[in-house]
Amino acid sequence: DNNEPKLFETLLDDDFLKLLASIEEKFSAKHRIQREQAKKWHFCLQIARTYGLRPIEMNYLQVRRNGKDTLWCVYPKQTNDVATKPRRLRAIHKNWEEEWNLIKRIKNKEPLPETMNGDSFGTYLGRNSYWKELLEKEAYRPYSLRHAFAVCGHVDYNISSQVLAPAMGHSVETHEKCYSRWIGEDYFDDIFEKATQTIKK
């Protein structure tokens, strides 16, 4: 759990959608390989940002049937000699999951990049003009997509650490250590109030 990387700036929704749009421009590139790579990475980034994944976890996705198709990450991250259990993934924005048809595309094995890890994410994004523009303002990294999932969960939806932490595959302690500056006093006030309220007779 303590291996979570340094908290870089968070790539929030507007900038992320602009980044996707900049990749879409390559869909009509002259060379076939450029077009194919753009489509693979576009899909990859949609998944990673929507579900708050570590880059390496993109290699460990499964669609399981549980009344309906659900998406799971089965990456065995080692923490103190214990591997993390598979976890069900939930979209931070349900409309993205539905509009982009992510689960069906994963189930149908739509092509993804051949190598997916922090280095390959960084290499591909490093060639992108809009990403370079963003880097002139803030210290973004591939993990900025994952951080955005957590911040969005707290700020936009007021989801508690107890829910977000297991959804992201780490402990509540690690989560609050990483994201405490976004959780805010309202969150702690709410937790305290619920813990101390008495039943009216």
C-alpha atoms as a PDB file:
ATOM      1  CA  ASP A   1       0.000   0.000   0.000  1.00  0.00           C
ATOM      2  CA  ASN A   2       2.851   2.334   0.755  1.00  0.00           C
ATOM      3  CA  ASN A   3       4.002   1.898  -2.838  1.00  0.00           C
ATOM      4  CA  GLU A   4       1.392   4.323  -4.170  1.00  0.00           C
ATOM      5  CA  PRO A   5       3.435   6.913  -6.083  1.00  0.00           C
ATOM      6  CA  LYS A   6       3.800  10.563  -5.225  1.00  0.00           C
ATOM      7  CA  LEU A   7       0.595  12.534  -5.645  1.00  0.00           C
ATOM      8  CA  PHE A   8       0.986  14.522  -8.843  1.00  0.00           C
ATOM      9  CA  GLU A   9      -1.461  17.113 -10.086  1.00  0.00           C
ATOM     10  CA  THR A  10      -4.894  15.790 -10.932  1.00  0.00           C
ATOM     11  CA  LEU A  11      -6.074  15.719 -14.539  1.00  0.00           C
ATOM     12  CA  LEU A  12      -9.674  16.831 -14.153  1.00  0.00           C
ATOM     13  CA  ASP A  13     -12.544  16.295 -16.549  1.00  0.00           C
ATOM     14  CA  ASP A  14     -12.276  19.237 -18.944  1.00  0.00           C
ATOM     15  CA  ASP A  15      -8.574  18.745 -19.591  1.00  0.00           C
ATOM     16  CA  PHE A  16      -9.005  14.992 -19.909  1.00  0.00           C
ATOM     17  CA  LEU A  17     -11.733  15.367 -22.536  1.00  0.00           C
ATOM     18  CA  LYS A  18      -9.548  17.839 -24.438  1.00  0.00           C
ATOM     19  CA  LEU A  19      -6.720  15.311 -24.285  1.00  0.00           C
ATOM     20  CA  LEU A  20      -8.997  12.664 -25.792  1.00  0.00           C
ATOM     21  CA  ALA A  21     -10.034  15.107 -28.512  1.00  0.00           C
ATOM     22  CA  SER A  22      -6.380  15.753 -29.359  1.00  0.00           C
ATOM     23  CA  ILE A  23      -5.831  11.997 -29.764  1.00  0.00           C
ATOM     24  CA  GLU A  24      -8.942  11.725 -31.946  1.00  0.00           C
ATOM     25  CA  GLU A  25      -7.266  14.067 -34.426  1.00  0.00           C
ATOM     26  CA  LYS A  26      -4.845  11.213 -35.163  1.00  0.00           C
ATOM     27  CA  PHE A  27      -7.711   8.910 -36.191  1.00  0.00           C
ATOM     28  CA  SER A  28      -7.363  10.347 -39.704  1.00  0.00           C
ATOM     29  CA  ALA A  29      -3.554  10.342 -39.789  1.00  0.00           C
ATOM     30  CA  LYS A  30      -1.875   9.510 -43.075  1.00  0.00           C
ATOM     31  CA  HIS A  31      -0.139   6.403 -41.785  1.00  0.00           C
ATOM     32  CA  ARG A  32      -2.156   3.347 -40.750  1.00  0.00           C
ATOM     33  CA  ILE A  33       0.058   2.580 -37.729  1.00  0.00           C
ATOM     34  CA  GLN A  34      -0.499   6.089 -36.351  1.00  0.00           C
ATOM     35  CA  ARG A  35      -4.251   5.724 -36.774  1.00  0.00           C
ATOM     36  CA  GLU A  36      -4.311   2.330 -35.065  1.00  0.00           C
ATOM     37  CA  GLN A  37      -2.131   3.445 -32.157  1.00  0.00           C
ATOM     38  CA  ALA A  38      -4.272   6.533 -31.611  1.00  0.00           C
ATOM     39  CA  LYS A  39      -7.436   4.430 -31.411  1.00  0.00           C
ATOM     40  CA  LYS A  40      -5.817   1.941 -29.023  1.00  0.00           C
ATOM     41  CA  TRP A  41      -4.506   4.626 -26.691  1.00  0.00           C
ATOM     42  CA  HIS A  42      -7.736   6.616 -26.849  1.00  0.00           C
ATOM     43  CA  PHE A  43      -9.613   3.518 -25.659  1.00  0.00           C
ATOM     44  CA  CYS A  44      -6.951   2.753 -23.049  1.00  0.00           C
ATOM     45  CA  LEU A  45      -7.106   6.237 -21.533  1.00  0.00           C
ATOM     46  CA  GLN A  46     -10.917   6.207 -21.491  1.00  0.00           C
ATOM     47  CA  ILE A  47     -10.824   3.028 -19.400  1.00  0.00           C
ATOM     48  CA  ALA A  48      -8.003   4.113 -17.099  1.00  0.00           C
ATOM     49  CA  ARG A  49      -9.597   7.465 -16.254  1.00  0.00           C
ATOM     50  CA  THR A  50     -13.167   6.188 -15.950  1.00  0.00           C
ATOM     51  CA  TYR A  51     -12.251   3.437 -13.483  1.00  0.00           C
ATOM     52  CA  GLY A  52      -9.282   5.042 -11.704  1.00  0.00           C
ATOM     53  CA  LEU A  53      -6.793   2.365 -12.720  1.00  0.00           C
ATOM     54  CA  ARG A  54      -3.050   2.122 -12.240  1.00  0.00           C
ATOM     55  CA  PRO A  55      -1.416   1.892 -15.700  1.00  0.00           C
ATOM     56  CA  ILE A  56      -0.288  -1.706 -15.055  1.00  0.00           C
ATOM     57  CA  GLU A  57      -3.842  -2.738 -14.136  1.00  0.00           C
ATOM     58  CA  MET A  58      -4.932  -2.213 -17.735  1.00  0.00           C
ATOM     59  CA  ASN A  59      -3.419  -5.663 -18.413  1.00  0.00           C
ATOM     60  CA  TYR A  60      -5.659  -7.370 -15.869  1.00  0.00           C
ATOM     61  CA  LEU A  61      -9.252  -6.614 -16.882  1.00  0.00           C
ATOM     62  CA  GLN A  62     -12.051  -9.177 -16.940  1.00  0.00           C
ATOM     63  CA  VAL A  63     -15.730  -8.928 -17.791  1.00  0.00           C
ATOM     64  CA  ARG A  64     -17.806 -11.182 -15.553  1.00  0.00           C
ATOM     65  CA  ARG A  65     -21.475 -12.001 -15.738  1.00  0.00           C
ATOM     66  CA  ASN A  66     -23.356 -11.269 -12.505  1.00  0.00           C
ATOM     67  CA  GLY A  67     -26.916 -10.689 -13.657  1.00  0.00           C
ATOM     68  CA  LYS A  68     -25.295  -8.191 -15.986  1.00  0.00           C
ATOM     69  CA  ASP A  69     -21.811  -7.727 -17.392  1.00  0.00           C
ATOM     70  CA  THR A  70     -19.489  -6.227 -14.779  1.00  0.00           C
ATOM     71  CA  LEU A  71     -15.867  -5.156 -15.089  1.00  0.00           C
ATOM     72  CA  TRP A  72     -13.177  -6.500 -12.756  1.00  0.00           C
ATOM     73  CA  CYS A  73      -9.496  -5.903 -12.154  1.00  0.00           C
ATOM     74  CA  VAL A  74      -7.549  -9.051 -11.214  1.00  0.00           C
ATOM     75  CA  TYR A  75      -4.111  -7.480 -10.785  1.00  0.00           C
ATOM     76  CA  PRO A  76      -2.366  -9.267  -7.849  1.00  0.00           C
ATOM     77  CA  LYS A  77      -0.660  -6.227  -6.303  1.00  0.00           C
ATOM     78  CA  GLN A  78       1.676  -7.375  -3.545  1.00  0.00           C
ATOM     79  CA  THR A  79       1.456  -5.604  -0.176  1.00  0.00           C
ATOM     80  CA  ASN A  80       3.420  -7.076   2.724  1.00  0.00           C
ATOM     81  CA  ASP A  81       3.527 -10.487   0.981  1.00  0.00           C
ATOM     82  CA  VAL A  82      -0.252 -10.458   0.486  1.00  0.00           C
ATOM     83  CA  ALA A  83      -1.729 -10.117  -2.994  1.00  0.00           C
ATOM     84  CA  THR A  84      -4.767  -7.910  -3.453  1.00  0.00           C
ATOM     85  CA  LYS A  85      -8.009  -9.667  -4.280  1.00  0.00           C
ATOM     86  CA  PRO A  86      -9.868  -9.096  -7.551  1.00  0.00           C
ATOM     87  CA  ARG A  87     -12.082  -6.032  -7.308  1.00  0.00           C
ATOM     88  CA  ARG A  88     -15.118  -4.944  -9.231  1.00  0.00           C
ATOM     89  CA  LEU A  89     -14.600  -1.680 -11.069  1.00  0.00           C
ATOM     90  CA  ARG A  90     -17.167   1.093 -11.001  1.00  0.00           C
ATOM     91  CA  ALA A  91     -17.197   4.131 -13.248  1.00  0.00           C
ATOM     92  CA  ILE A  92     -16.704   7.510 -11.613  1.00  0.00           C
ATOM     93  CA  HIS A  93     -19.007   8.964 -14.288  1.00  0.00           C
ATOM     94  CA  LYS A  94     -21.704   6.481 -15.316  1.00  0.00           C
ATOM     95  CA  ASN A  95     -22.453   8.501 -18.450  1.00  0.00           C
ATOM     96  CA  TRP A  96     -18.872   8.008 -19.697  1.00  0.00           C
ATOM     97  CA  GLU A  97     -19.126   4.257 -19.228  1.00  0.00           C
ATOM     98  CA  GLU A  98     -22.410   4.164 -21.131  1.00  0.00           C
ATOM     99  CA  GLU A  99     -21.646   6.704 -23.876  1.00  0.00           C
ATOM    100  CA  TRP A 100     -18.282   5.120 -24.611  1.00  0.00           C
ATOM    101  CA  ASN A 101     -19.742   1.592 -24.327  1.00  0.00           C
ATOM    102  CA  LEU A 102     -16.658   0.568 -22.360  1.00  0.00           C
ATOM    103  CA  ILE A 103     -17.671  -2.783 -20.881  1.00  0.00           C
ATOM    104  CA  LYS A 104     -18.982  -4.147 -24.177  1.00  0.00           C
ATOM    105  CA  ARG A 105     -15.859  -2.992 -26.023  1.00  0.00           C
ATOM    106  CA  ILE A 106     -13.638  -4.684 -23.435  1.00  0.00           C
ATOM    107  CA  LYS A 107     -15.747  -7.837 -23.610  1.00  0.00           C
ATOM    108  CA  ASN A 108     -15.434  -7.818 -27.403  1.00  0.00           C
ATOM    109  CA  LYS A 109     -11.645  -7.500 -27.005  1.00  0.00           C
ATOM    110  CA  GLU A 110     -11.294  -4.225 -28.860  1.00  0.00           C
ATOM    111  CA  PRO A 111      -7.526  -3.742 -29.358  1.00  0.00           C
ATOM    112  CA  LEU A 112      -5.537  -1.999 -26.662  1.00  0.00           C
ATOM    113  CA  PRO A 113      -1.851  -0.997 -26.761  1.00  0.00           C
ATOM    114  CA  GLU A 114       0.557  -3.938 -26.814  1.00  0.00           C
ATOM    115  CA  THR A 115       2.410  -2.621 -23.718  1.00  0.00           C
ATOM    116  CA  MET A 116       0.549  -0.876 -20.902  1.00  0.00           C
ATOM    117  CA  ASN A 117       2.513   0.366 -17.906  1.00  0.00           C
ATOM    118  CA  GLY A 118       3.638   3.686 -16.467  1.00  0.00           C
ATOM    119  CA  ASP A 119       6.502   3.993 -18.949  1.00  0.00           C
ATOM    120  CA  SER A 120       4.416   3.286 -22.047  1.00  0.00           C
ATOM    121  CA  PHE A 121       1.692   5.688 -20.876  1.00  0.00           C
ATOM    122  CA  GLY A 122       4.336   8.354 -20.340  1.00  0.00           C
ATOM    123  CA  THR A 123       5.993   7.715 -23.714  1.00  0.00           C
ATOM    124  CA  TYR A 124       2.752   7.940 -25.675  1.00  0.00           C
ATOM    125  CA  LEU A 125       1.457  10.984 -23.829  1.00  0.00           C
ATOM    126  CA  GLY A 126       4.877  12.623 -24.106  1.00  0.00           C
ATOM    127  CA  ARG A 127       4.416  12.831 -27.872  1.00  0.00           C
ATOM    128  CA  ASN A 128       0.994  14.460 -27.594  1.00  0.00           C
ATOM    129  CA  SER A 129       0.914  18.216 -28.206  1.00  0.00           C
ATOM    130  CA  TYR A 130      -1.926  18.908 -25.779  1.00  0.00           C
ATOM    131  CA  TRP A 131      -0.237  16.885 -23.027  1.00  0.00           C
ATOM    132  CA  LYS A 132       2.934  18.943 -23.588  1.00  0.00           C
ATOM    133  CA  GLU A 133       0.815  22.068 -23.256  1.00  0.00           C
ATOM    134  CA  LEU A 134      -0.598  20.810 -19.954  1.00  0.00           C
ATOM    135  CA  LEU A 135       2.886  20.034 -18.641  1.00  0.00           C
ATOM    136  CA  GLU A 136       3.841  23.673 -19.064  1.00  0.00           C
ATOM    137  CA  LYS A 137       1.315  24.496 -16.336  1.00  0.00           C
ATOM    138  CA  GLU A 138       1.402  21.539 -13.924  1.00  0.00           C
ATOM    139  CA  ALA A 139       3.414  18.421 -13.070  1.00  0.00           C
ATOM    140  CA  TYR A 140       1.090  15.884 -14.656  1.00  0.00           C
ATOM    141  CA  ARG A 141       1.970  12.177 -14.904  1.00  0.00           C
ATOM    142  CA  PRO A 142       0.041   9.103 -16.094  1.00  0.00           C
ATOM    143  CA  TYR A 143      -1.059   8.604 -12.467  1.00  0.00           C
ATOM    144  CA  SER A 144      -2.816  11.981 -12.689  1.00  0.00           C
ATOM    145  CA  LEU A 145      -5.684  10.085 -14.347  1.00  0.00           C
ATOM    146  CA  ARG A 146      -6.004   7.753 -11.359  1.00  0.00           C
ATOM    147  CA  HIS A 147      -5.778  10.614  -8.881  1.00  0.00           C
ATOM    148  CA  ALA A 148      -8.591  12.370 -10.720  1.00  0.00           C
ATOM    149  CA  PHE A 149     -10.881   9.410 -10.029  1.00  0.00           C
ATOM    150  CA  ALA A 150     -10.376   9.853  -6.277  1.00  0.00           C
ATOM    151  CA  VAL A 151     -10.679  13.620  -6.268  1.00  0.00           C
ATOM    152  CA  CYS A 152     -13.795  13.502  -8.433  1.00  0.00           C
ATOM    153  CA  GLY A 153     -15.315  10.906  -6.107  1.00  0.00           C
ATOM    154  CA  HIS A 154     -14.784  13.141  -3.082  1.00  0.00           C
ATOM    155  CA  VAL A 155     -15.445  16.582  -4.557  1.00  0.00           C
ATOM    156  CA  ASP A 156     -18.184  15.888  -7.116  1.00  0.00           C
ATOM    157  CA  TYR A 157     -20.011  12.976  -5.508  1.00  0.00           C
ATOM    158  CA  ASN A 158     -19.081  13.149  -1.793  1.00  0.00           C
ATOM    159  CA  ILE A 159     -18.148   9.452  -1.773  1.00  0.00           C
ATOM    160  CA  SER A 160     -16.418   8.424   1.458  1.00  0.00           C
ATOM    161  CA  SER A 161     -12.889   7.063   1.760  1.00  0.00           C
ATOM    162  CA  GLN A 162     -14.345   3.792   3.035  1.00  0.00           C
ATOM    163  CA  VAL A 163     -16.005   3.332  -0.365  1.00  0.00           C
ATOM    164  CA  LEU A 164     -13.393   4.860  -2.667  1.00  0.00           C
ATOM    165  CA  ALA A 165     -10.373   3.106  -1.141  1.00  0.00           C
ATOM    166  CA  PRO A 166     -11.455  -0.488  -1.885  1.00  0.00           C
ATOM    167  CA  ALA A 167     -12.810   0.643  -5.251  1.00  0.00           C
ATOM    168  CA  MET A 168      -9.268   1.802  -6.078  1.00  0.00           C
ATOM    169  CA  GLY A 169      -7.561  -1.259  -4.618  1.00  0.00           C
ATOM    170  CA  HIS A 170      -5.801   0.174  -1.588  1.00  0.00           C
ATOM    171  CA  SER A 171      -6.418   0.670   2.139  1.00  0.00           C
ATOM    172  CA  VAL A 172      -8.423   3.489   3.683  1.00  0.00           C
ATOM    173  CA  GLU A 173      -5.260   4.573   5.506  1.00  0.00           C
ATOM    174  CA  THR A 174      -3.323   4.911   2.249  1.00  0.00           C
ATOM    175  CA  HIS A 175      -6.254   6.616   0.570  1.00  0.00           C
ATOM    176  CA  GLU A 176      -6.682   9.270   3.236  1.00  0.00           C
ATOM    177  CA  LYS A 177      -2.926   9.840   3.376  1.00  0.00           C
ATOM    178  CA  CYS A 178      -2.858  10.445  -0.385  1.00  0.00           C
ATOM    179  CA  TYR A 179      -6.071  12.409  -0.789  1.00  0.00           C
ATOM    180  CA  SER A 180      -6.672  14.139   2.561  1.00  0.00           C
ATOM    181  CA  ARG A 181      -6.336  17.633   1.086  1.00  0.00           C
ATOM    182  CA  TRP A 182      -9.383  16.972  -1.127  1.00  0.00           C
ATOM    183  CA  ILE A 183     -11.571  15.171   1.399  1.00  0.00           C
ATOM    184  CA  GLY A 184     -12.345  18.397   3.264  1.00  0.00           C
ATOM    185  CA  GLU A 185     -13.761  19.280   6.664  1.00  0.00           C
ATOM    186  CA  ASP A 186     -17.347  18.622   5.544  1.00  0.00           C
ATOM    187  CA  TYR A 187     -16.507  14.955   5.122  1.00  0.00           C
ATOM    188  CA  PHE A 188     -15.094  14.649   8.635  1.00  0.00           C
ATOM    189  CA  ASP A 189     -17.994  16.654  10.107  1.00  0.00           C
ATOM    190  CA  ASP A 190     -20.417  14.247   8.474  1.00  0.00           C
ATOM    191  CA  ILE A 191     -18.571  11.160   9.752  1.00  0.00           C
ATOM    192  CA  PHE A 192     -18.402  12.608  13.288  1.00  0.00           C
ATOM    193  CA  GLU A 193     -22.078  13.560  13.280  1.00  0.00           C
ATOM    194  CA  LYS A 194     -23.183  10.102  12.150  1.00  0.00           C
ATOM    195  CA  ALA A 195     -20.927   8.428  14.722  1.00  0.00           C
ATOM    196  CA  THR A 196     -22.193  10.506  17.633  1.00  0.00           C
ATOM    197  CA  GLN A 197     -25.840  10.963  16.856  1.00  0.00           C
ATOM    198  CA  THR A 198     -28.301   9.503  19.335  1.00  0.00           C
ATOM    199  CA  ILE A 199     -31.569   7.794  18.651  1.00  0.00           C
ATOM    200  CA  LYS A 200     -34.498  10.001  19.546  1.00  0.00           C
ATOM    201  CA  LYS A 201     -37.073   8.289  21.733  1.00  0.00           C
END
